[in-house]
Amino acid sequence: MSLILPMSAFALAASISPGPVNLVCLSSGTRYRLRKGLWFVTGATLGFIALFLAIGFGLHSALAWIPGFERLLTWAGIAFLLYLSYRLAVDDGQISEEAPDGAPGFWTGALMQWLNPKAWLASVSGIGAYTSGGDLTQLTIFAALYLPICWLSLSTWVLTGRFLRQHIQRPSLLRAVNRALAALLAASCLYLILD
């Protein structure tokens, strides 16, 4: 029980802090219906929990034996983030209540977490700091805490985007916001390359 508060604080800090998934949530809130954004959030949350549990059960240690795996993961993540950045940059800024085909969905959110170095780092460091080497009970408690905290944190970013959407009615302004988000995503790729 003494670990629940520190685990929760770690989960909140890791989930709500800016990162690639958070930026896509923000963009989704500005561009698409709330339901679409929350569907992406659900996929991202469940994808993260699956990654978290897999790492907790030894995936990270097992993959350390594969030569170049971490480098492959980094480059796959960079390619995916650059693709999303490009999609944001070329967006026309037109807001429609129709269900656009290009909205990131459940599986995009899930896949994005597996290609997101921030998610891997949060999982490895959180598990290392707050669980005792593969303790199933501690890992299950941590994952159970992470699930609602991650979902609510990512939903906050979608709702922030929704708020911006209500106050940004000009396509030119929305294009500028999307391009700024695209630049931030691309900058996060640059950070990964230089790191």
N, C-alpha and C. Protein backbone atom coordinates (compact mmCIF):
# COMPACT_ATOMS: atom_id res chain seq x y z
N MET A 1 0.81 -1.20 0.00
CA MET A 1 0.00 0.00 0.00
C MET A 1 0.86 1.27 0.00
N SER A 2 2.04 1.18 0.59
CA SER A 2 2.89 2.37 0.66
C SER A 2 3.42 2.77 -0.71
N LEU A 3 3.32 1.89 -1.71
CA LEU A 3 3.79 2.21 -3.05
C LEU A 3 2.71 2.83 -3.94
N ILE A 4 1.45 2.76 -3.52
CA ILE A 4 0.38 3.21 -4.40
C ILE A 4 0.50 4.70 -4.72
N LEU A 5 0.76 5.53 -3.73
CA LEU A 5 0.87 6.97 -4.00
C LEU A 5 2.08 7.29 -4.88
N PRO A 6 3.27 6.76 -4.58
CA PRO A 6 4.40 7.04 -5.48
C PRO A 6 4.20 6.48 -6.90
N MET A 7 3.61 5.29 -6.99
CA MET A 7 3.33 4.72 -8.32
C MET A 7 2.37 5.62 -9.10
N SER A 8 1.34 6.10 -8.41
CA SER A 8 0.34 6.97 -9.05
C SER A 8 0.97 8.28 -9.50
N ALA A 9 1.82 8.85 -8.66
CA ALA A 9 2.48 10.11 -9.01
C ALA A 9 3.39 9.91 -10.22
N PHE A 10 4.11 8.79 -10.25
CA PHE A 10 4.98 8.51 -11.40
C PHE A 10 4.14 8.34 -12.66
N ALA A 11 3.05 7.58 -12.56
CA ALA A 11 2.19 7.35 -13.72
C ALA A 11 1.61 8.66 -14.25
N LEU A 12 1.22 9.54 -13.35
CA LEU A 12 0.67 10.83 -13.77
C LEU A 12 1.73 11.68 -14.46
N ALA A 13 2.91 11.76 -13.86
CA ALA A 13 3.98 12.57 -14.45
C ALA A 13 4.37 12.03 -15.83
N ALA A 14 4.46 10.71 -15.95
CA ALA A 14 4.87 10.11 -17.23
C ALA A 14 3.77 10.25 -18.28
N SER A 15 2.52 10.18 -17.86
CA SER A 15 1.41 10.20 -18.82
C SER A 15 1.02 11.59 -19.29
N ILE A 16 1.07 12.56 -18.42
CA ILE A 16 0.56 13.89 -18.78
C ILE A 16 1.63 14.78 -19.38
N SER A 17 2.91 14.44 -19.17
CA SER A 17 3.98 15.28 -19.71
C SER A 17 3.99 15.20 -21.23
N PRO A 18 4.36 16.30 -21.89
CA PRO A 18 4.33 16.33 -23.35
C PRO A 18 5.20 15.24 -23.97
N GLY A 19 4.67 14.67 -25.00
CA GLY A 19 5.37 13.64 -25.76
C GLY A 19 4.63 13.45 -27.06
N PRO A 20 5.12 12.57 -27.92
CA PRO A 20 4.49 12.37 -29.24
C PRO A 20 3.01 11.99 -29.16
N VAL A 21 2.65 11.08 -28.28
CA VAL A 21 1.25 10.65 -28.18
C VAL A 21 0.38 11.81 -27.69
N ASN A 22 0.88 12.57 -26.73
CA ASN A 22 0.13 13.71 -26.21
C ASN A 22 -0.13 14.75 -27.31
N LEU A 23 0.87 14.98 -28.15
CA LEU A 23 0.70 15.95 -29.23
C LEU A 23 -0.33 15.48 -30.24
N VAL A 24 -0.35 14.19 -30.53
CA VAL A 24 -1.36 13.66 -31.45
C VAL A 24 -2.75 13.76 -30.81
N CYS A 25 -2.83 13.56 -29.50
CA CYS A 25 -4.11 13.74 -28.79
C CYS A 25 -4.59 15.18 -28.92
N LEU A 26 -3.69 16.13 -28.72
CA LEU A 26 -4.03 17.54 -28.84
C LEU A 26 -4.52 17.86 -30.25
N SER A 27 -3.80 17.38 -31.24
CA SER A 27 -4.18 17.61 -32.63
C SER A 27 -5.52 16.96 -32.94
N SER A 28 -5.73 15.77 -32.43
CA SER A 28 -6.98 15.06 -32.66
C SER A 28 -8.16 15.86 -32.09
N GLY A 29 -7.94 16.45 -30.92
CA GLY A 29 -8.99 17.27 -30.32
C GLY A 29 -9.33 18.50 -31.15
N THR A 30 -8.33 19.06 -31.83
CA THR A 30 -8.60 20.24 -32.65
C THR A 30 -9.23 19.88 -33.99
N ARG A 31 -9.02 18.68 -34.46
CA ARG A 31 -9.44 18.32 -35.81
C ARG A 31 -10.69 17.46 -35.90
N TYR A 32 -10.89 16.58 -34.95
CA TYR A 32 -11.93 15.56 -35.11
C TYR A 32 -12.93 15.59 -33.96
N ARG A 33 -14.00 14.87 -34.16
CA ARG A 33 -15.00 14.79 -33.10
C ARG A 33 -14.40 14.18 -31.84
N LEU A 34 -14.95 14.55 -30.71
CA LEU A 34 -14.43 14.10 -29.42
C LEU A 34 -14.36 12.57 -29.35
N ARG A 35 -15.38 11.91 -29.86
CA ARG A 35 -15.40 10.44 -29.84
C ARG A 35 -14.19 9.84 -30.56
N LYS A 36 -13.81 10.44 -31.68
CA LYS A 36 -12.63 9.96 -32.43
C LYS A 36 -11.36 10.12 -31.59
N GLY A 37 -11.23 11.26 -30.95
CA GLY A 37 -10.05 11.50 -30.11
C GLY A 37 -9.98 10.54 -28.94
N LEU A 38 -11.12 10.29 -28.31
CA LEU A 38 -11.14 9.38 -27.16
C LEU A 38 -10.92 7.92 -27.58
N TRP A 39 -11.30 7.59 -28.81
CA TRP A 39 -11.02 6.25 -29.33
C TRP A 39 -9.51 6.06 -29.51
N PHE A 40 -8.83 7.09 -30.00
CA PHE A 40 -7.37 7.06 -30.11
C PHE A 40 -6.75 6.94 -28.72
N VAL A 41 -7.26 7.71 -27.75
CA VAL A 41 -6.77 7.66 -26.37
C VAL A 41 -6.91 6.25 -25.80
N THR A 42 -8.03 5.61 -26.05
CA THR A 42 -8.26 4.26 -25.55
C THR A 42 -7.23 3.29 -26.14
N GLY A 43 -6.99 3.39 -27.43
CA GLY A 43 -5.98 2.54 -28.06
C GLY A 43 -4.60 2.80 -27.51
N ALA A 44 -4.26 4.09 -27.35
CA ALA A 44 -2.94 4.44 -26.81
C ALA A 44 -2.78 3.94 -25.38
N THR A 45 -3.83 4.05 -24.59
CA THR A 45 -3.76 3.61 -23.20
C THR A 45 -3.60 2.10 -23.11
N LEU A 46 -4.43 1.36 -23.84
CA LEU A 46 -4.33 -0.10 -23.79
C LEU A 46 -3.03 -0.59 -24.43
N GLY A 47 -2.57 0.11 -25.47
CA GLY A 47 -1.27 -0.24 -26.06
C GLY A 47 -0.15 -0.04 -25.07
N PHE A 48 -0.23 1.06 -24.31
CA PHE A 48 0.79 1.31 -23.30
C PHE A 48 0.75 0.25 -22.20
N ILE A 49 -0.44 -0.10 -21.72
CA ILE A 49 -0.55 -1.10 -20.66
C ILE A 49 -0.01 -2.45 -21.14
N ALA A 50 -0.30 -2.80 -22.39
CA ALA A 50 0.23 -4.06 -22.94
C ALA A 50 1.76 -4.01 -22.98
N LEU A 51 2.32 -2.88 -23.41
CA LEU A 51 3.78 -2.71 -23.45
C LEU A 51 4.35 -2.77 -22.03
N PHE A 52 3.71 -2.08 -21.11
CA PHE A 52 4.15 -2.04 -19.71
C PHE A 52 4.21 -3.44 -19.12
N LEU A 53 3.15 -4.21 -19.32
CA LEU A 53 3.12 -5.57 -18.78
C LEU A 53 4.14 -6.47 -19.48
N ALA A 54 4.27 -6.30 -20.79
CA ALA A 54 5.26 -7.12 -21.52
C ALA A 54 6.67 -6.84 -21.02
N ILE A 55 6.98 -5.57 -20.80
CA ILE A 55 8.30 -5.22 -20.27
C ILE A 55 8.44 -5.77 -18.86
N GLY A 56 7.39 -5.66 -18.06
CA GLY A 56 7.42 -6.18 -16.69
C GLY A 56 7.65 -7.68 -16.64
N PHE A 57 7.15 -8.38 -17.64
CA PHE A 57 7.33 -9.83 -17.69
C PHE A 57 8.62 -10.24 -18.39
N GLY A 58 9.48 -9.26 -18.70
CA GLY A 58 10.81 -9.60 -19.19
C GLY A 58 11.07 -9.32 -20.65
N LEU A 59 10.15 -8.69 -21.37
CA LEU A 59 10.36 -8.44 -22.80
C LEU A 59 11.62 -7.62 -23.05
N HIS A 60 11.83 -6.58 -22.24
CA HIS A 60 12.99 -5.71 -22.46
C HIS A 60 14.29 -6.50 -22.32
N SER A 61 14.36 -7.35 -21.30
CA SER A 61 15.57 -8.17 -21.09
C SER A 61 15.76 -9.15 -22.23
N ALA A 62 14.66 -9.76 -22.67
CA ALA A 62 14.75 -10.73 -23.76
C ALA A 62 15.20 -10.06 -25.05
N LEU A 63 14.67 -8.87 -25.32
CA LEU A 63 15.01 -8.18 -26.56
C LEU A 63 16.42 -7.60 -26.55
N ALA A 64 16.99 -7.46 -25.36
CA ALA A 64 18.37 -6.98 -25.28
C ALA A 64 19.33 -7.95 -25.96
N TRP A 65 18.92 -9.19 -26.10
CA TRP A 65 19.75 -10.19 -26.76
C TRP A 65 19.73 -10.07 -28.27
N ILE A 66 18.75 -9.34 -28.81
CA ILE A 66 18.66 -9.17 -30.27
C ILE A 66 19.54 -7.99 -30.65
N PRO A 67 20.57 -8.25 -31.45
CA PRO A 67 21.48 -7.16 -31.83
C PRO A 67 20.74 -6.05 -32.59
N GLY A 68 20.94 -4.84 -32.15
CA GLY A 68 20.37 -3.70 -32.84
C GLY A 68 18.89 -3.46 -32.63
N PHE A 69 18.26 -4.19 -31.70
CA PHE A 69 16.81 -4.01 -31.51
C PHE A 69 16.46 -2.59 -31.08
N GLU A 70 17.20 -2.06 -30.13
CA GLU A 70 16.88 -0.71 -29.64
C GLU A 70 17.04 0.32 -30.75
N ARG A 71 18.05 0.14 -31.58
CA ARG A 71 18.25 1.06 -32.71
C ARG A 71 17.10 0.93 -33.71
N LEU A 72 16.68 -0.30 -33.99
CA LEU A 72 15.55 -0.53 -34.89
C LEU A 72 14.28 0.11 -34.34
N LEU A 73 14.04 -0.06 -33.05
CA LEU A 73 12.87 0.53 -32.41
C LEU A 73 12.90 2.05 -32.53
N THR A 74 14.06 2.63 -32.27
CA THR A 74 14.20 4.09 -32.36
C THR A 74 13.90 4.58 -33.76
N TRP A 75 14.46 3.93 -34.78
CA TRP A 75 14.26 4.39 -36.15
C TRP A 75 12.83 4.15 -36.63
N ALA A 76 12.22 3.05 -36.20
CA ALA A 76 10.80 2.81 -36.54
C ALA A 76 9.94 3.89 -35.91
N GLY A 77 10.22 4.23 -34.66
CA GLY A 77 9.48 5.29 -33.98
C GLY A 77 9.66 6.63 -34.67
N ILE A 78 10.89 6.94 -35.07
CA ILE A 78 11.16 8.20 -35.75
C ILE A 78 10.40 8.27 -37.07
N ALA A 79 10.42 7.17 -37.83
CA ALA A 79 9.70 7.15 -39.11
C ALA A 79 8.20 7.37 -38.91
N PHE A 80 7.64 6.72 -37.91
CA PHE A 80 6.21 6.86 -37.63
C PHE A 80 5.87 8.28 -37.19
N LEU A 81 6.70 8.86 -36.33
CA LEU A 81 6.46 10.22 -35.87
C LEU A 81 6.61 11.23 -37.01
N LEU A 82 7.56 11.01 -37.89
CA LEU A 82 7.72 11.91 -39.04
C LEU A 82 6.53 11.81 -39.98
N TYR A 83 5.98 10.61 -40.14
CA TYR A 83 4.77 10.44 -40.95
C TYR A 83 3.61 11.23 -40.34
N LEU A 84 3.41 11.10 -39.03
CA LEU A 84 2.34 11.85 -38.37
C LEU A 84 2.59 13.36 -38.45
N SER A 85 3.85 13.75 -38.33
CA SER A 85 4.22 15.16 -38.44
C SER A 85 3.87 15.69 -39.83
N TYR A 86 4.17 14.91 -40.85
CA TYR A 86 3.85 15.30 -42.23
C TYR A 86 2.33 15.46 -42.40
N ARG A 87 1.57 14.51 -41.86
CA ARG A 87 0.10 14.58 -41.98
C ARG A 87 -0.44 15.85 -41.33
N LEU A 88 0.13 16.22 -40.19
CA LEU A 88 -0.29 17.47 -39.53
C LEU A 88 0.10 18.69 -40.35
N ALA A 89 1.30 18.68 -40.89
CA ALA A 89 1.81 19.84 -41.61
C ALA A 89 1.01 20.13 -42.88
N VAL A 90 0.50 19.09 -43.55
CA VAL A 90 -0.22 19.31 -44.81
C VAL A 90 -1.73 19.43 -44.61
N ASP A 91 -2.19 19.36 -43.37
CA ASP A 91 -3.62 19.48 -43.09
C ASP A 91 -4.12 20.86 -43.54
N ASP A 92 -5.32 20.90 -44.14
CA ASP A 92 -5.83 22.15 -44.70
C ASP A 92 -6.49 23.08 -43.67
N GLY A 93 -6.68 22.61 -42.44
CA GLY A 93 -7.26 23.46 -41.41
C GLY A 93 -8.76 23.58 -41.46
N GLN A 94 -9.41 22.87 -42.37
CA GLN A 94 -10.87 22.91 -42.46
C GLN A 94 -11.46 22.01 -41.39
N ILE A 95 -12.41 22.54 -40.64
CA ILE A 95 -13.06 21.76 -39.60
C ILE A 95 -14.41 21.29 -40.12
N SER A 96 -14.65 20.00 -39.93
CA SER A 96 -15.91 19.43 -40.37
C SER A 96 -16.45 18.53 -39.28
N GLU A 97 -17.76 18.48 -39.17
CA GLU A 97 -18.37 17.56 -38.19
C GLU A 97 -18.52 16.16 -38.77
N GLU A 98 -18.19 16.00 -40.05
CA GLU A 98 -18.21 14.67 -40.64
C GLU A 98 -17.11 13.84 -39.98
N ALA A 99 -17.17 12.53 -40.15
CA ALA A 99 -16.13 11.66 -39.61
C ALA A 99 -15.01 11.54 -40.64
N PRO A 100 -13.95 12.31 -40.52
CA PRO A 100 -12.88 12.26 -41.53
C PRO A 100 -12.18 10.91 -41.54
N ASP A 101 -11.76 10.52 -42.74
CA ASP A 101 -11.07 9.24 -42.88
C ASP A 101 -9.71 9.25 -42.23
N GLY A 102 -9.07 10.41 -42.13
CA GLY A 102 -7.70 10.47 -41.65
C GLY A 102 -7.53 10.52 -40.15
N ALA A 103 -8.60 10.44 -39.38
CA ALA A 103 -8.49 10.53 -37.93
C ALA A 103 -7.70 9.34 -37.38
N PRO A 104 -6.72 9.60 -36.52
CA PRO A 104 -5.99 8.46 -35.93
C PRO A 104 -6.94 7.67 -35.04
N GLY A 105 -6.92 6.36 -35.20
CA GLY A 105 -7.86 5.51 -34.48
C GLY A 105 -7.23 4.70 -33.37
N PHE A 106 -7.97 3.71 -32.94
CA PHE A 106 -7.57 2.84 -31.84
C PHE A 106 -6.22 2.18 -32.11
N TRP A 107 -6.08 1.55 -33.26
CA TRP A 107 -4.85 0.80 -33.56
C TRP A 107 -3.65 1.71 -33.77
N THR A 108 -3.90 2.91 -34.29
CA THR A 108 -2.81 3.88 -34.41
C THR A 108 -2.28 4.24 -33.02
N GLY A 109 -3.21 4.47 -32.09
CA GLY A 109 -2.81 4.78 -30.72
C GLY A 109 -2.03 3.65 -30.08
N ALA A 110 -2.50 2.42 -30.27
CA ALA A 110 -1.81 1.27 -29.67
C ALA A 110 -0.42 1.09 -30.27
N LEU A 111 -0.34 1.15 -31.60
CA LEU A 111 0.95 0.99 -32.27
C LEU A 111 1.92 2.11 -31.90
N MET A 112 1.38 3.31 -31.79
CA MET A 112 2.23 4.46 -31.49
C MET A 112 2.96 4.27 -30.16
N GLN A 113 2.29 3.68 -29.18
CA GLN A 113 2.95 3.47 -27.88
C GLN A 113 4.11 2.48 -28.02
N TRP A 114 3.95 1.45 -28.83
CA TRP A 114 5.02 0.47 -28.99
C TRP A 114 6.21 1.04 -29.75
N LEU A 115 5.97 2.11 -30.53
CA LEU A 115 7.05 2.75 -31.27
C LEU A 115 7.53 4.03 -30.59
N ASN A 116 7.00 4.31 -29.41
CA ASN A 116 7.29 5.54 -28.71
C ASN A 116 8.39 5.31 -27.66
N PRO A 117 9.58 5.85 -27.89
CA PRO A 117 10.65 5.66 -26.91
C PRO A 117 10.29 6.17 -25.51
N LYS A 118 9.45 7.21 -25.43
CA LYS A 118 9.02 7.72 -24.12
C LYS A 118 8.25 6.63 -23.37
N ALA A 119 7.42 5.86 -24.06
CA ALA A 119 6.64 4.80 -23.42
C ALA A 119 7.56 3.69 -22.92
N TRP A 120 8.56 3.34 -23.71
CA TRP A 120 9.52 2.31 -23.28
C TRP A 120 10.29 2.78 -22.05
N LEU A 121 10.74 4.02 -22.09
CA LEU A 121 11.52 4.58 -20.97
C LEU A 121 10.67 4.65 -19.71
N ALA A 122 9.42 5.12 -19.84
CA ALA A 122 8.53 5.21 -18.68
C ALA A 122 8.27 3.83 -18.09
N SER A 123 8.11 2.84 -18.95
CA SER A 123 7.85 1.48 -18.47
C SER A 123 9.07 0.91 -17.75
N VAL A 124 10.21 0.97 -18.41
CA VAL A 124 11.43 0.39 -17.83
C VAL A 124 11.80 1.09 -16.52
N SER A 125 11.78 2.43 -16.53
CA SER A 125 12.19 3.14 -15.31
C SER A 125 11.16 2.98 -14.20
N GLY A 126 9.88 3.01 -14.53
CA GLY A 126 8.85 2.84 -13.50
C GLY A 126 8.88 1.46 -12.87
N ILE A 127 9.01 0.45 -13.71
CA ILE A 127 9.07 -0.93 -13.20
C ILE A 127 10.33 -1.13 -12.35
N GLY A 128 11.43 -0.58 -12.84
CA GLY A 128 12.68 -0.70 -12.09
C GLY A 128 12.64 0.01 -10.74
N ALA A 129 11.95 1.13 -10.69
CA ALA A 129 11.93 1.92 -9.46
C ALA A 129 10.89 1.44 -8.45
N TYR A 130 9.76 0.92 -8.92
CA TYR A 130 8.64 0.66 -8.01
C TYR A 130 8.22 -0.80 -7.87
N THR A 131 8.90 -1.71 -8.55
CA THR A 131 8.56 -3.12 -8.37
C THR A 131 9.82 -3.90 -8.04
N SER A 132 9.63 -5.05 -7.43
CA SER A 132 10.76 -5.92 -7.07
C SER A 132 10.88 -7.01 -8.11
N GLY A 133 11.79 -6.81 -9.05
CA GLY A 133 12.12 -7.79 -10.07
C GLY A 133 11.06 -8.82 -10.43
N GLY A 134 10.07 -8.43 -11.19
CA GLY A 134 9.08 -9.38 -11.69
C GLY A 134 8.01 -9.78 -10.70
N ASP A 135 7.84 -9.06 -9.61
CA ASP A 135 6.79 -9.36 -8.64
C ASP A 135 5.43 -9.13 -9.30
N LEU A 136 4.67 -10.21 -9.51
CA LEU A 136 3.40 -10.15 -10.23
C LEU A 136 2.38 -9.24 -9.55
N THR A 137 2.30 -9.29 -8.23
CA THR A 137 1.34 -8.46 -7.51
C THR A 137 1.65 -6.98 -7.69
N GLN A 138 2.91 -6.60 -7.49
CA GLN A 138 3.29 -5.19 -7.65
C GLN A 138 3.09 -4.72 -9.09
N LEU A 139 3.45 -5.55 -10.05
CA LEU A 139 3.29 -5.19 -11.45
C LEU A 139 1.82 -5.01 -11.80
N THR A 140 0.96 -5.88 -11.30
CA THR A 140 -0.48 -5.79 -11.56
C THR A 140 -1.07 -4.54 -10.93
N ILE A 141 -0.67 -4.22 -9.70
CA ILE A 141 -1.15 -3.00 -9.04
C ILE A 141 -0.71 -1.77 -9.82
N PHE A 142 0.56 -1.75 -10.24
CA PHE A 142 1.09 -0.61 -10.98
C PHE A 142 0.32 -0.44 -12.29
N ALA A 143 0.09 -1.52 -13.02
CA ALA A 143 -0.64 -1.45 -14.29
C ALA A 143 -2.09 -0.99 -14.06
N ALA A 144 -2.70 -1.49 -12.97
CA ALA A 144 -4.08 -1.10 -12.65
C ALA A 144 -4.17 0.39 -12.31
N LEU A 145 -3.14 0.93 -11.69
CA LEU A 145 -3.10 2.37 -11.41
C LEU A 145 -2.84 3.17 -12.68
N TYR A 146 -1.93 2.66 -13.50
CA TYR A 146 -1.55 3.35 -14.73
C TYR A 146 -2.73 3.48 -15.69
N LEU A 147 -3.57 2.46 -15.78
CA LEU A 147 -4.65 2.43 -16.76
C LEU A 147 -5.55 3.66 -16.70
N PRO A 148 -6.20 3.95 -15.57
CA PRO A 148 -7.06 5.15 -15.56
C PRO A 148 -6.27 6.46 -15.60
N ILE A 149 -5.09 6.46 -14.99
CA ILE A 149 -4.29 7.69 -14.98
C ILE A 149 -3.84 8.05 -16.38
N CYS A 150 -3.38 7.06 -17.14
CA CYS A 150 -2.96 7.29 -18.52
C CYS A 150 -4.14 7.75 -19.37
N TRP A 151 -5.27 7.05 -19.24
CA TRP A 151 -6.44 7.41 -20.06
C TRP A 151 -6.90 8.84 -19.76
N LEU A 152 -6.99 9.18 -18.49
CA LEU A 152 -7.43 10.53 -18.12
C LEU A 152 -6.42 11.60 -18.55
N SER A 153 -5.13 11.29 -18.43
CA SER A 153 -4.09 12.25 -18.84
C SER A 153 -4.16 12.52 -20.34
N LEU A 154 -4.24 11.46 -21.13
CA LEU A 154 -4.32 11.64 -22.58
C LEU A 154 -5.63 12.31 -22.98
N SER A 155 -6.70 11.99 -22.29
CA SER A 155 -8.00 12.63 -22.57
C SER A 155 -7.94 14.12 -22.30
N THR A 156 -7.16 14.52 -21.31
CA THR A 156 -6.98 15.94 -21.02
C THR A 156 -6.40 16.67 -22.23
N TRP A 157 -5.46 16.03 -22.91
CA TRP A 157 -4.87 16.63 -24.10
C TRP A 157 -5.91 16.75 -25.22
N VAL A 158 -6.76 15.72 -25.39
CA VAL A 158 -7.82 15.79 -26.40
C VAL A 158 -8.79 16.92 -26.06
N LEU A 159 -9.17 17.01 -24.79
CA LEU A 159 -10.10 18.05 -24.37
C LEU A 159 -9.50 19.45 -24.53
N THR A 160 -8.20 19.56 -24.30
CA THR A 160 -7.52 20.83 -24.55
C THR A 160 -7.60 21.19 -26.03
N GLY A 161 -7.38 20.21 -26.88
CA GLY A 161 -7.53 20.43 -28.32
C GLY A 161 -8.95 20.81 -28.69
N ARG A 162 -9.91 20.18 -28.04
CA ARG A 162 -11.33 20.50 -28.28
C ARG A 162 -11.62 21.95 -27.87
N PHE A 163 -11.06 22.37 -26.75
CA PHE A 163 -11.21 23.76 -26.30
C PHE A 163 -10.63 24.72 -27.34
N LEU A 164 -9.43 24.39 -27.84
CA LEU A 164 -8.81 25.23 -28.87
C LEU A 164 -9.68 25.27 -30.12
N ARG A 165 -10.27 24.15 -30.48
CA ARG A 165 -11.11 24.08 -31.67
C ARG A 165 -12.28 25.04 -31.55
N GLN A 166 -12.87 25.12 -30.39
CA GLN A 166 -14.02 26.00 -30.19
C GLN A 166 -13.62 27.47 -30.30
N HIS A 167 -12.35 27.76 -30.06
CA HIS A 167 -11.90 29.15 -30.09
C HIS A 167 -11.07 29.47 -31.33
N ILE A 168 -10.84 28.48 -32.14
CA ILE A 168 -10.09 28.69 -33.39
C ILE A 168 -11.03 28.31 -34.54
N GLN A 169 -11.71 29.29 -35.06
CA GLN A 169 -12.67 29.02 -36.13
C GLN A 169 -12.11 29.33 -37.52
N ARG A 170 -10.93 29.93 -37.56
CA ARG A 170 -10.35 30.27 -38.86
C ARG A 170 -9.41 29.17 -39.31
N PRO A 171 -9.61 28.64 -40.53
CA PRO A 171 -8.72 27.58 -41.04
C PRO A 171 -7.25 27.98 -41.03
N SER A 172 -6.96 29.26 -41.32
CA SER A 172 -5.55 29.68 -41.36
C SER A 172 -4.91 29.56 -39.97
N LEU A 173 -5.67 29.87 -38.93
CA LEU A 173 -5.15 29.75 -37.57
C LEU A 173 -4.97 28.29 -37.17
N LEU A 174 -5.94 27.46 -37.55
CA LEU A 174 -5.83 26.03 -37.26
C LEU A 174 -4.65 25.41 -38.02
N ARG A 175 -4.44 25.85 -39.26
CA ARG A 175 -3.26 25.38 -40.01
C ARG A 175 -1.98 25.73 -39.27
N ALA A 176 -1.93 26.94 -38.72
CA ALA A 176 -0.73 27.37 -37.97
C ALA A 176 -0.54 26.50 -36.73
N VAL A 177 -1.62 26.20 -36.00
CA VAL A 177 -1.52 25.32 -34.83
C VAL A 177 -1.04 23.94 -35.24
N ASN A 178 -1.62 23.40 -36.32
CA ASN A 178 -1.22 22.07 -36.79
C ASN A 178 0.25 22.05 -37.20
N ARG A 179 0.70 23.10 -37.84
CA ARG A 179 2.10 23.15 -38.27
C ARG A 179 3.04 23.29 -37.08
N ALA A 180 2.59 24.01 -36.07
CA ALA A 180 3.40 24.10 -34.84
C ALA A 180 3.50 22.73 -34.17
N LEU A 181 2.38 22.00 -34.12
CA LEU A 181 2.41 20.65 -33.56
C LEU A 181 3.28 19.73 -34.40
N ALA A 182 3.20 19.88 -35.73
CA ALA A 182 4.04 19.08 -36.61
C ALA A 182 5.52 19.36 -36.36
N ALA A 183 5.85 20.63 -36.16
CA ALA A 183 7.24 21.00 -35.88
C ALA A 183 7.69 20.41 -34.55
N LEU A 184 6.81 20.41 -33.54
CA LEU A 184 7.17 19.81 -32.25
C LEU A 184 7.39 18.31 -32.37
N LEU A 185 6.54 17.64 -33.15
CA LEU A 185 6.74 16.20 -33.37
C LEU A 185 8.07 15.95 -34.08
N ALA A 186 8.34 16.74 -35.12
CA ALA A 186 9.61 16.59 -35.84
C ALA A 186 10.79 16.88 -34.92
N ALA A 187 10.65 17.87 -34.05
CA ALA A 187 11.72 18.20 -33.11
C ALA A 187 11.96 17.04 -32.14
N SER A 188 10.89 16.36 -31.74
CA SER A 188 11.09 15.20 -30.86
C SER A 188 11.87 14.11 -31.58
N CYS A 189 11.70 14.02 -32.91
CA CYS A 189 12.49 13.06 -33.70
C CYS A 189 13.95 13.47 -33.71
N LEU A 190 14.19 14.76 -33.86
CA LEU A 190 15.56 15.25 -33.86
C LEU A 190 16.24 14.96 -32.52
N TYR A 191 15.49 15.14 -31.45
CA TYR A 191 16.01 14.82 -30.13
C TYR A 191 16.40 13.34 -30.04
N LEU A 192 15.55 12.47 -30.58
CA LEU A 192 15.85 11.03 -30.55
C LEU A 192 17.09 10.71 -31.38
N ILE A 193 17.24 11.39 -32.51
CA ILE A 193 18.40 11.14 -33.38
C ILE A 193 19.68 11.60 -32.69
N LEU A 194 19.64 12.78 -32.07
CA LEU A 194 20.84 13.32 -31.44
C LEU A 194 21.17 12.63 -30.12
N ASP A 195 20.16 12.04 -29.47
CA ASP A 195 20.38 11.36 -28.20
C ASP A 195 21.04 10.05 -28.49
